[in-house]
Protein backbone atom coordinates (compact mmCIF):
# COMPACT_ATOMS: atom_id res chain seq x y z
CA MET A 1 73.15 95.88 75.70
CA THR A 2 73.66 98.93 77.92
CA GLN A 3 76.93 98.99 79.84
CA PHE A 4 75.49 100.41 83.04
CA TRP A 5 78.87 100.21 84.77
CA ARG A 6 80.09 103.07 82.61
CA LEU A 7 77.26 105.38 83.72
CA PRO A 8 77.32 107.76 86.68
CA ALA A 9 75.12 106.95 89.66
CA THR A 10 72.76 109.84 88.92
CA GLU A 11 71.96 108.40 85.48
CA ILE A 12 71.53 104.86 86.80
CA ALA A 13 69.10 106.02 89.46
CA ALA A 14 67.12 108.03 86.90
CA LEU A 15 66.86 105.00 84.60
CA VAL A 16 65.73 102.67 87.37
CA ARG A 17 63.30 105.12 88.96
CA GLY A 18 61.89 105.92 85.51
CA LYS A 19 61.41 102.19 84.77
CA ARG A 20 63.71 102.40 81.75
CA ALA A 21 65.98 99.81 83.33
CA SER A 22 65.58 97.42 86.22
CA ALA A 23 67.81 97.30 89.27
CA THR A 24 68.36 93.62 88.45
CA GLU A 25 69.69 94.43 84.99
CA VAL A 26 72.04 96.99 86.50
CA ALA A 27 73.19 94.54 89.19
CA LYS A 28 73.93 91.78 86.70
CA ASP A 29 75.96 94.20 84.60
CA ALA A 30 77.84 95.41 87.70
CA LEU A 31 78.65 91.84 88.73
CA ALA A 32 79.96 91.11 85.23
CA ARG A 33 82.19 94.18 85.42
CA LEU A 34 83.47 93.05 88.82
CA ASP A 35 84.34 89.65 87.40
CA ALA A 36 86.16 91.25 84.47
CA ALA A 37 88.09 94.04 86.23
CA ASN A 38 88.67 92.93 89.81
CA PRO A 39 91.23 90.14 89.23
CA ALA A 40 93.79 92.70 88.02
CA ILE A 41 93.39 95.07 90.99
CA ASN A 42 92.00 93.03 93.93
CA ALA A 43 89.82 95.94 95.08
CA VAL A 44 86.71 93.95 96.10
CA VAL A 45 87.71 91.22 98.55
CA ASP A 46 84.30 89.86 99.61
CA HIS A 47 81.12 89.67 97.57
CA ARG A 48 78.15 87.37 97.16
CA PRO A 49 76.31 87.72 93.86
CA GLU A 50 73.17 86.17 95.30
CA ASP A 51 72.95 88.90 97.94
CA THR A 52 73.47 91.63 95.36
CA LEU A 53 70.74 90.23 93.13
CA ALA A 54 68.38 89.86 96.07
CA GLU A 55 68.87 93.52 96.99
CA ALA A 56 68.24 94.53 93.39
CA ALA A 57 65.07 92.43 93.30
CA ARG A 58 63.86 94.23 96.43
CA VAL A 59 64.28 97.60 94.68
CA ASP A 60 62.46 96.34 91.59
CA ALA A 61 59.61 95.03 93.75
CA MET A 62 59.21 98.42 95.44
CA ILE A 63 59.02 100.17 92.07
CA ALA A 64 56.53 97.60 90.78
CA ARG A 65 54.30 98.37 93.78
CA GLY A 66 54.49 102.08 93.03
CA GLU A 67 56.61 102.83 96.08
CA ASP A 68 59.50 105.28 96.22
CA ALA A 69 62.64 103.16 96.02
CA GLY A 70 64.88 106.07 97.06
CA PRO A 71 67.18 108.58 95.37
CA MET A 72 69.85 105.92 94.75
CA ALA A 73 67.46 103.27 93.41
CA GLY A 74 69.49 100.47 91.84
CA VAL A 75 72.87 102.20 92.13
CA PRO A 76 75.68 99.66 92.76
CA VAL A 77 77.90 100.68 95.68
CA THR A 78 80.82 99.15 97.55
CA ILE A 79 81.42 99.07 101.31
CA LYS A 80 84.81 99.20 103.03
CA VAL A 81 85.65 96.12 105.11
CA ASN A 82 86.12 98.15 108.29
CA VAL A 83 82.40 98.84 108.81
CA ASP A 84 79.64 96.46 109.84
CA GLN A 85 77.45 94.95 107.15
CA ALA A 86 75.03 92.34 108.45
CA GLY A 87 76.19 88.81 107.67
CA TYR A 88 79.70 89.83 106.62
CA ALA A 89 83.04 89.90 108.44
CA THR A 90 84.24 93.29 109.61
CA THR A 91 87.86 92.34 109.02
CA ASN A 92 89.54 95.77 108.91
CA GLY A 93 92.17 93.93 106.85
CA LEU A 94 93.10 91.69 109.79
CA LYS A 95 93.61 87.94 110.04
CA ILE A 96 92.63 88.18 113.72
CA GLN A 97 89.18 89.50 112.66
CA LYS A 98 88.54 87.25 109.67
CA ASP A 99 85.64 85.54 111.47
CA HIS A 100 84.26 88.66 113.16
CA ARG A 101 80.78 88.71 111.60
CA ALA A 102 78.38 91.60 112.01
CA THR A 103 74.74 90.92 112.84
CA GLU A 104 73.44 94.40 111.95
CA ASP A 105 74.38 97.23 109.62
CA ASN A 106 76.51 100.22 110.48
CA PRO A 107 74.29 103.35 110.11
CA VAL A 108 76.14 104.38 106.95
CA VAL A 109 75.32 101.01 105.35
CA ALA A 110 71.71 101.19 106.57
CA ASN A 111 71.33 104.66 105.06
CA LEU A 112 72.63 103.54 101.67
CA ARG A 113 70.13 100.68 101.66
CA LYS A 114 67.29 103.04 102.64
CA ALA A 115 68.24 105.25 99.71
CA GLY A 116 67.83 102.28 97.34
CA ALA A 117 71.51 101.51 96.74
CA VAL A 118 72.50 97.92 95.94
CA ILE A 119 75.62 96.67 97.70
CA LEU A 120 77.98 95.07 95.20
CA GLY A 121 80.82 93.99 97.47
CA ARG A 122 83.29 94.90 100.20
CA THR A 123 86.54 96.70 99.47
CA ASN A 124 90.07 96.25 100.72
CA THR A 125 92.01 98.29 103.25
CA PRO A 126 95.49 98.00 104.80
CA ALA A 127 95.74 96.23 108.15
CA PHE A 128 94.05 98.32 110.85
CA SER A 129 93.03 100.80 108.10
CA LEU A 130 96.27 102.70 108.62
CA ARG A 131 98.48 103.77 105.67
CA TRP A 132 98.11 105.57 102.37
CA PHE A 133 98.79 102.20 100.68
CA CYS A 134 96.63 99.10 100.46
CA ARG A 135 98.05 95.68 101.37
CA ASN A 136 97.39 93.23 104.18
CA GLY A 137 98.02 89.58 105.08
CA LEU A 138 94.36 88.56 104.90
CA HIS A 139 93.01 89.99 101.65
CA GLY A 140 96.22 90.73 99.79
CA HIS A 141 97.39 93.67 97.72
CA THR A 142 95.15 96.18 95.93
CA LYS A 143 96.57 97.77 92.78
CA ASN A 144 95.92 101.15 91.18
CA PRO A 145 93.98 100.60 87.92
CA TRP A 146 95.85 103.45 86.22
CA ASP A 147 99.29 102.04 86.97
CA PRO A 148 100.12 99.08 89.25
CA GLY A 149 103.42 100.75 90.10
CA ILE A 150 101.76 103.54 92.09
CA THR A 151 99.66 103.29 95.22
CA PRO A 152 95.86 103.22 94.95
CA GLY A 153 95.96 105.16 98.19
CA GLY A 154 94.74 104.09 101.59
CA SER A 155 93.12 103.29 103.69
CA SER A 156 90.11 103.32 101.33
CA GLY A 157 92.36 102.09 98.53
CA GLY A 158 89.99 99.30 97.55
CA ALA A 159 87.04 101.70 97.35
CA ALA A 160 88.95 104.14 95.13
CA ALA A 161 90.43 101.48 92.83
CA ALA A 162 87.05 99.79 92.41
CA THR A 163 85.22 103.04 91.65
CA ALA A 164 87.86 104.20 89.18
CA ALA A 165 87.65 100.85 87.37
CA GLY A 166 83.86 100.92 87.12
CA ILE A 167 83.21 98.37 89.88
CA GLY A 168 80.29 100.20 91.45
CA ALA A 169 79.32 103.81 90.84
CA ILE A 170 80.00 105.03 94.40
CA GLY A 171 82.43 103.69 96.97
CA HIS A 172 82.11 104.04 100.72
CA GLY A 173 85.28 105.13 102.52
CA THR A 174 86.43 106.34 105.93
CA ASP A 175 88.82 109.19 106.75
CA ILE A 176 90.71 110.00 109.95
CA GLY A 177 93.95 111.04 108.26
CA GLY A 178 93.19 111.23 104.54
CA SER A 179 91.70 107.80 103.90
CA VAL A 180 89.00 109.13 101.55
CA ARG A 181 90.78 112.14 100.11
CA TYR A 182 94.11 110.49 99.26
CA PRO A 183 92.79 107.33 97.52
CA ALA A 184 90.52 109.52 95.40
CA TYR A 185 93.58 111.58 94.43
CA ALA A 186 95.69 108.51 93.63
CA CYS A 187 92.97 106.88 91.51
CA GLY A 188 91.82 109.91 89.52
CA ILE A 189 88.35 110.31 91.03
CA HIS A 190 86.68 112.58 93.61
CA GLY A 191 86.31 111.96 97.34
CA LEU A 192 84.55 113.85 100.15
CA ARG A 193 85.56 113.87 103.78
CA PRO A 194 82.42 115.36 105.40
CA THR A 195 82.21 117.48 108.54
CA LEU A 196 82.39 115.54 111.78
CA GLY A 197 78.83 114.54 112.69
CA ARG A 198 77.39 114.78 109.18
CA ILE A 199 77.24 111.05 108.43
CA PRO A 200 76.22 108.65 111.21
CA ALA A 201 78.60 105.72 111.51
CA TRP A 202 79.05 103.17 114.29
CA ASN A 203 80.05 99.51 114.37
CA PRO A 204 77.60 97.63 116.62
CA SER A 205 79.90 94.58 116.64
CA LEU A 206 82.88 96.41 118.14
CA PRO A 207 83.62 98.58 121.20
CA ASP A 208 83.01 102.31 120.88
CA ARG A 209 85.93 104.26 119.45
CA HIS A 210 88.37 106.16 121.64
CA ILE A 211 87.96 109.93 121.85
CA GLY A 212 90.49 110.62 119.10
CA GLY A 213 88.52 108.50 116.67
CA GLN A 214 85.22 109.96 117.82
CA ILE A 215 86.23 113.56 117.08
CA MET A 216 88.17 112.94 113.86
CA ALA A 217 86.99 109.80 112.00
CA VAL A 218 84.22 110.10 109.40
CA SER A 219 82.69 108.11 106.55
CA GLY A 220 82.34 109.60 103.09
CA PRO A 221 81.71 108.86 99.40
CA LEU A 222 84.15 108.36 96.52
CA ALA A 223 82.80 108.75 92.98
CA ARG A 224 83.70 109.56 89.41
CA THR A 225 81.56 112.72 89.21
CA ILE A 226 80.86 115.53 91.67
CA ALA A 227 77.11 114.96 91.18
CA ASP A 228 77.59 111.37 92.32
CA VAL A 229 79.62 112.50 95.34
CA LYS A 230 76.69 114.74 96.27
CA LEU A 231 74.17 111.94 95.75
CA GLY A 232 76.11 109.54 97.95
CA PHE A 233 76.81 112.18 100.59
CA GLU A 234 73.15 113.14 100.96
CA ALA A 235 72.06 109.50 101.17
CA MET A 236 74.70 108.63 103.77
CA SER A 237 73.81 111.67 105.91
CA ALA A 238 70.31 110.57 107.00
CA ARG A 239 69.65 110.61 110.73
CA ASP A 240 70.39 107.53 112.82
CA VAL A 241 69.76 107.73 116.56
CA ARG A 242 72.64 105.34 117.25
CA GLU A 243 75.18 108.05 116.34
CA PRO A 244 75.42 110.63 119.17
CA TRP A 245 77.68 112.91 117.09
CA TRP A 246 75.14 113.26 114.26
CA VAL A 247 74.08 116.83 113.47
CA GLY A 248 71.04 117.54 111.32
CA ALA A 249 72.49 120.62 109.63
CA PRO A 250 70.90 121.74 106.33
CA MET A 251 72.50 120.49 103.15
CA GLU A 252 72.51 124.02 101.73
CA GLY A 253 73.93 126.81 103.88
CA PRO A 254 73.40 130.57 103.56
CA PRO A 255 74.74 132.32 100.46
CA ALA A 256 78.50 132.95 100.51
CA PRO A 257 80.79 134.95 98.23
CA LYS A 258 82.53 133.00 95.49
CA ARG A 259 85.91 133.69 97.04
CA ALA A 260 88.69 131.15 97.44
CA ALA A 261 92.12 131.26 99.04
CA LEU A 262 94.89 129.56 97.08
CA CYS A 263 97.70 128.13 99.21
CA MET A 264 100.22 126.01 97.33
CA ARG A 265 102.73 125.56 100.17
CA PRO A 266 100.88 125.41 103.50
CA GLU A 267 103.33 126.18 106.32
CA GLY A 268 106.31 125.71 104.02
CA LEU A 269 105.22 122.38 102.53
CA ALA A 270 107.62 121.50 99.69
CA THR A 271 104.93 121.12 97.03
CA SER A 272 106.23 119.55 93.81
CA ALA A 273 106.02 121.31 90.45
CA PRO A 274 103.27 119.05 88.97
CA VAL A 275 101.09 119.60 92.04
CA GLU A 276 101.63 123.36 91.93
CA ALA A 277 100.67 123.33 88.24
CA ALA A 278 97.46 121.47 89.08
CA LEU A 279 96.63 124.03 91.77
CA ARG A 280 97.16 126.97 89.43
CA ASP A 281 95.08 125.24 86.79
CA ALA A 282 92.25 124.68 89.29
CA ALA A 283 92.45 128.31 90.41
CA LYS A 284 92.12 129.46 86.80
CA ARG A 285 89.13 127.16 86.33
CA LEU A 286 87.45 128.74 89.35
CA GLU A 287 88.18 132.25 88.07
CA ASN A 288 86.68 131.35 84.68
CA ALA A 289 83.56 130.21 86.54
CA GLY A 290 83.19 133.57 88.29
CA TRP A 291 85.17 132.95 91.47
CA THR A 292 87.69 135.35 92.96
CA VAL A 293 90.89 133.52 93.87
CA GLU A 294 93.57 135.11 96.06
CA GLU A 295 96.82 133.61 97.25
CA ALA A 296 96.79 133.53 101.04
CA PRO A 297 98.34 131.45 103.85
CA LEU A 298 96.17 128.89 105.60
CA PRO A 299 95.67 128.69 109.36
CA PRO A 300 97.95 126.23 111.19
CA LEU A 301 98.26 122.63 110.05
CA ARG A 302 101.56 121.42 111.52
CA GLU A 303 100.61 121.54 115.17
CA PRO A 304 97.11 120.15 114.42
CA ALA A 305 98.81 117.26 112.60
CA GLN A 306 100.95 116.58 115.67
CA LEU A 307 97.90 116.68 117.94
CA GLN A 308 95.96 114.44 115.56
CA ALA A 309 98.67 111.81 115.88
CA LEU A 310 98.82 112.23 119.65
CA LEU A 311 95.09 111.67 120.09
CA TRP A 312 94.98 108.83 117.55
CA LEU A 313 97.97 106.95 118.97
CA ALA A 314 96.54 107.13 122.46
CA GLU A 315 94.38 104.16 121.40
CA THR A 316 97.47 102.21 120.38
CA ARG A 317 99.09 102.81 123.72
CA ARG A 318 96.02 101.63 125.64
CA GLY A 319 96.02 98.13 124.22
CA LEU A 320 95.96 98.17 120.43
CA ASN A 321 99.66 97.36 120.52
CA LYS A 322 98.67 93.87 121.63
CA ALA A 323 96.49 93.49 118.54
CA ILE A 324 99.30 94.78 116.33
CA ALA A 325 101.63 92.18 117.79
CA ALA A 326 99.02 89.43 117.40
CA GLU A 327 98.33 90.35 113.77
CA ASP A 328 102.06 90.48 113.02
CA ASP A 329 101.53 92.38 109.77
CA PRO A 330 104.98 93.67 108.77
CA ASP A 331 103.62 96.82 107.11
CA ALA A 332 101.44 97.78 110.08
CA THR A 333 104.18 96.99 112.58
CA PHE A 334 106.68 99.19 110.75
CA VAL A 335 104.23 102.07 110.28
CA TYR A 336 103.02 102.08 113.88
CA THR A 337 106.59 101.92 115.15
CA GLN A 338 107.56 104.95 113.07
CA MET A 339 104.48 106.91 114.05
CA GLU A 340 105.09 106.27 117.74
CA SER A 341 108.70 107.39 117.35
CA LEU A 342 107.45 110.69 115.91
CA CYS A 343 104.84 111.18 118.63
CA PRO A 344 105.90 110.76 122.27
CA ALA A 345 103.24 109.43 124.64
CA PRO A 346 101.46 112.21 126.57
CA ASP A 347 100.62 112.23 130.25
CA LEU A 348 97.07 113.05 131.35
CA PHE A 349 97.69 116.79 131.31
CA GLY A 350 99.31 116.58 127.89
CA PHE A 351 96.26 114.74 126.58
CA MET A 352 93.94 117.35 128.08
CA ASP A 353 96.09 120.15 126.65
CA ALA A 354 95.74 118.63 123.17
CA LEU A 355 91.94 118.69 123.42
CA GLN A 356 92.04 122.26 124.72
CA LYS A 357 94.29 123.43 121.87
CA ARG A 358 91.91 121.84 119.38
CA VAL A 359 89.24 124.40 120.28
CA GLY A 360 91.58 127.26 119.46
CA PHE A 361 92.49 125.82 116.09
CA VAL A 362 88.83 125.28 115.20
CA ARG A 363 88.15 128.93 116.07
CA GLU A 364 91.07 130.12 113.95
CA TRP A 365 89.95 128.11 110.93
CA MET A 366 86.32 129.24 111.24
CA GLU A 367 87.44 132.88 111.36
CA PHE A 368 89.51 132.23 108.23
CA PHE A 369 86.43 130.94 106.40
CA GLU A 370 84.64 134.22 107.16
CA ARG A 371 87.14 135.86 104.78
CA PHE A 372 87.57 132.97 102.34
CA PRO A 373 84.58 130.58 102.22
CA VAL A 374 86.72 127.99 100.38
CA ALA A 375 90.42 127.14 100.49
CA LEU A 376 92.30 125.53 97.58
CA CYS A 377 95.39 123.57 98.63
CA PRO A 378 97.34 120.37 97.84
CA VAL A 379 95.93 116.93 98.54
CA SER A 380 99.56 115.85 98.85
CA ALA A 381 102.82 117.64 98.18
CA GLU A 382 103.74 114.89 95.72
CA LEU A 383 102.16 112.97 92.87
CA PRO A 384 100.84 109.57 94.06
CA PHE A 385 103.66 107.61 95.67
CA ARG A 386 105.39 104.51 94.38
CA ASP A 387 103.45 101.54 95.66
CA GLN A 388 104.63 100.52 99.15
CA GLN A 389 107.00 103.49 99.28
CA ASP A 390 106.32 104.21 102.96
CA VAL A 391 107.90 100.97 104.21
CA GLU A 392 111.13 101.29 102.21
CA SER A 393 113.05 102.95 105.05
CA VAL A 394 112.67 105.20 108.07
CA GLU A 395 113.82 108.21 106.05
CA VAL A 396 111.36 107.54 103.24
CA PHE A 397 108.52 107.04 105.74
CA ARG A 398 109.21 110.46 107.24
CA ALA A 399 109.26 112.06 103.79
CA VAL A 400 105.87 110.48 103.04
CA MET A 401 104.46 111.83 106.32
CA GLU A 402 105.71 115.31 105.49
CA ALA A 403 104.10 115.25 102.03
CA GLN A 404 100.75 114.35 103.62
CA LEU A 405 100.56 117.35 105.95
CA THR A 406 97.12 118.47 104.76
CA GLN A 407 95.77 114.92 105.05
CA VAL A 408 96.69 114.62 108.72
CA GLY A 409 96.19 118.19 109.89
CA LEU A 410 92.61 118.88 108.83
CA PRO A 411 90.77 116.07 110.70
CA LEU A 412 91.69 117.51 114.11
CA MET A 413 89.28 120.40 113.47
CA GLY A 414 86.55 118.13 112.07
CA LEU A 415 86.54 120.13 108.83
CA PRO A 416 85.18 118.90 105.49
CA GLY A 417 87.57 118.41 102.57
CA LEU A 418 86.97 117.45 98.95
CA THR A 419 89.50 115.92 96.56
CA VAL A 420 88.83 116.92 92.96
CA THR A 421 90.74 115.08 90.27
CA THR A 422 91.93 117.39 87.48
CA GLY A 423 94.23 115.54 85.10
CA LEU A 424 97.08 113.16 84.45
CA VAL A 425 100.86 113.42 84.44
CA GLY A 426 101.59 110.61 82.01
CA ARG A 427 99.32 107.92 83.49
CA THR A 428 99.56 109.27 87.04
CA PRO A 429 96.48 111.12 88.33
CA VAL A 430 96.76 114.54 89.92
CA GLY A 431 94.19 116.76 91.60
CA VAL A 432 93.53 119.37 94.26
CA GLN A 433 91.89 119.67 97.65
CA LEU A 434 89.10 122.07 98.61
CA VAL A 435 88.38 122.89 102.26
CA ALA A 436 85.46 124.81 103.77
CA GLY A 437 83.89 125.56 107.13
CA ARG A 438 81.92 123.05 109.14
CA TYR A 439 78.70 121.87 107.46
CA ARG A 440 79.56 123.76 104.26
CA GLU A 441 79.99 120.76 102.00
CA ASP A 442 77.66 122.62 99.63
CA LEU A 443 80.41 125.17 98.96
CA LEU A 444 82.92 122.41 98.33
CA LEU A 445 80.60 120.68 95.89
CA ASP A 446 79.83 123.92 94.03
CA ALA A 447 83.52 124.76 93.69
CA GLY A 448 84.31 121.15 92.81
CA ALA A 449 81.71 121.16 90.04
CA ALA A 450 83.24 124.32 88.58
CA ILE A 451 86.69 122.72 88.52
CA GLU A 452 85.33 119.42 87.16
CA ALA A 453 83.52 121.19 84.30
CA ALA A 454 86.86 122.08 82.69
CA GLY A 455 87.88 118.41 82.39
CA THR A 456 88.93 115.38 84.43
CA PRO A 457 90.66 112.06 83.66
CA LYS A 458 88.36 109.77 81.69
CA THR A 459 86.90 107.03 83.90
CA PRO A 460 86.05 104.19 84.28
CA VAL A 461 89.54 103.07 83.36
CA GLU A 462 90.58 99.63 82.21
CA PRO A 463 92.99 98.20 84.81
CA GLN A 464 96.59 98.09 83.69
CA VAL A 465 98.62 94.96 84.41
CA ALA A 466 102.26 95.12 85.47
CA ALA A 467 104.74 94.24 82.74
């Protein structure tokens, strides 16, 4: 019997569309893999096999009628619990939202269905989807399948852990401060943070996001191959009139030189030796594939990171603090307290100044990409952290924040970033980050494919259990 859960999404879709396998067969195999692998990692926290099989049957019926079932026909995917999926609770990892049921799909979920994907289950996130770790009081603790002693990343930690373990071929994630890119890094897979406006996403069941979230938060795919990242990205990007920020830019931009800037220590970031080695290895892979790679400093990231936090925390200071108190999640309370201590509250003019400065930083980065179409830099200054490291102490929290400079700085400009996994240090994954200009995900995917071709950690991985 074929183990479909081991196959990439592109192969599954080809089999189903070519009538060499049914979506129902694939779904049953995916559900069996979920049952086998999920208990060790707690990545999928809500799933209904009957719904999954019904979606698969719908795809099979379309194919039987001779209809086009979509480019992702029969591909099992997971959805993060912070977006609306009709009939399911949009918990965002919160006890206070455990009964908050959506009545219609978020556009990103609707687009995956239109593309023929079959939703396998919903994946875990930390409370309020804040942290690069994945634990909450409602759904529990998600573990990294490579090593339960290291974080699976956050906030899309469940999506990354599930995908790495073969629970679904593509995972949906969200990213306002690294929540796609970092979990992909920690779990030894790839993850794309698209340009702001590329993928429509909106929760009908909840109030509209504050301006910080509107200009920085995106949805994106996590997958085990770059081809699967591309497949998921293109499916998620379909137009939806409910998303005012959506931009119908072409998926392929004009030709650009194969030239990349290598920056191992952006603005003095204390990048560790294993991460620097991974960056040099990735640069060599690009050169072997015909790219020119030159060491060069990146445009500013430190002040953009400060402004990102200022705009993001404005929501907290307008009432979310009440929700934090009501939830009483010790991790979230500690993290928010530390973030607020690092980011004083602005007055109206300070808030307006932050938005004004953003324009200048976007301009500076876009001018940089005229010289270097792609930048190669760390995902994090460190290998994936010890699990729950950020709440050990105030000092450790600040060290974690410093290591994540590129995670927090880039979203302010709405730029796309791609995590590419490249190898292992023992059983700890390591990788690199690629950045390009707005709507140039095609350049990221081309460069990512060149790096991937020289080898990546073998996935799916069998979840490891703590001794």
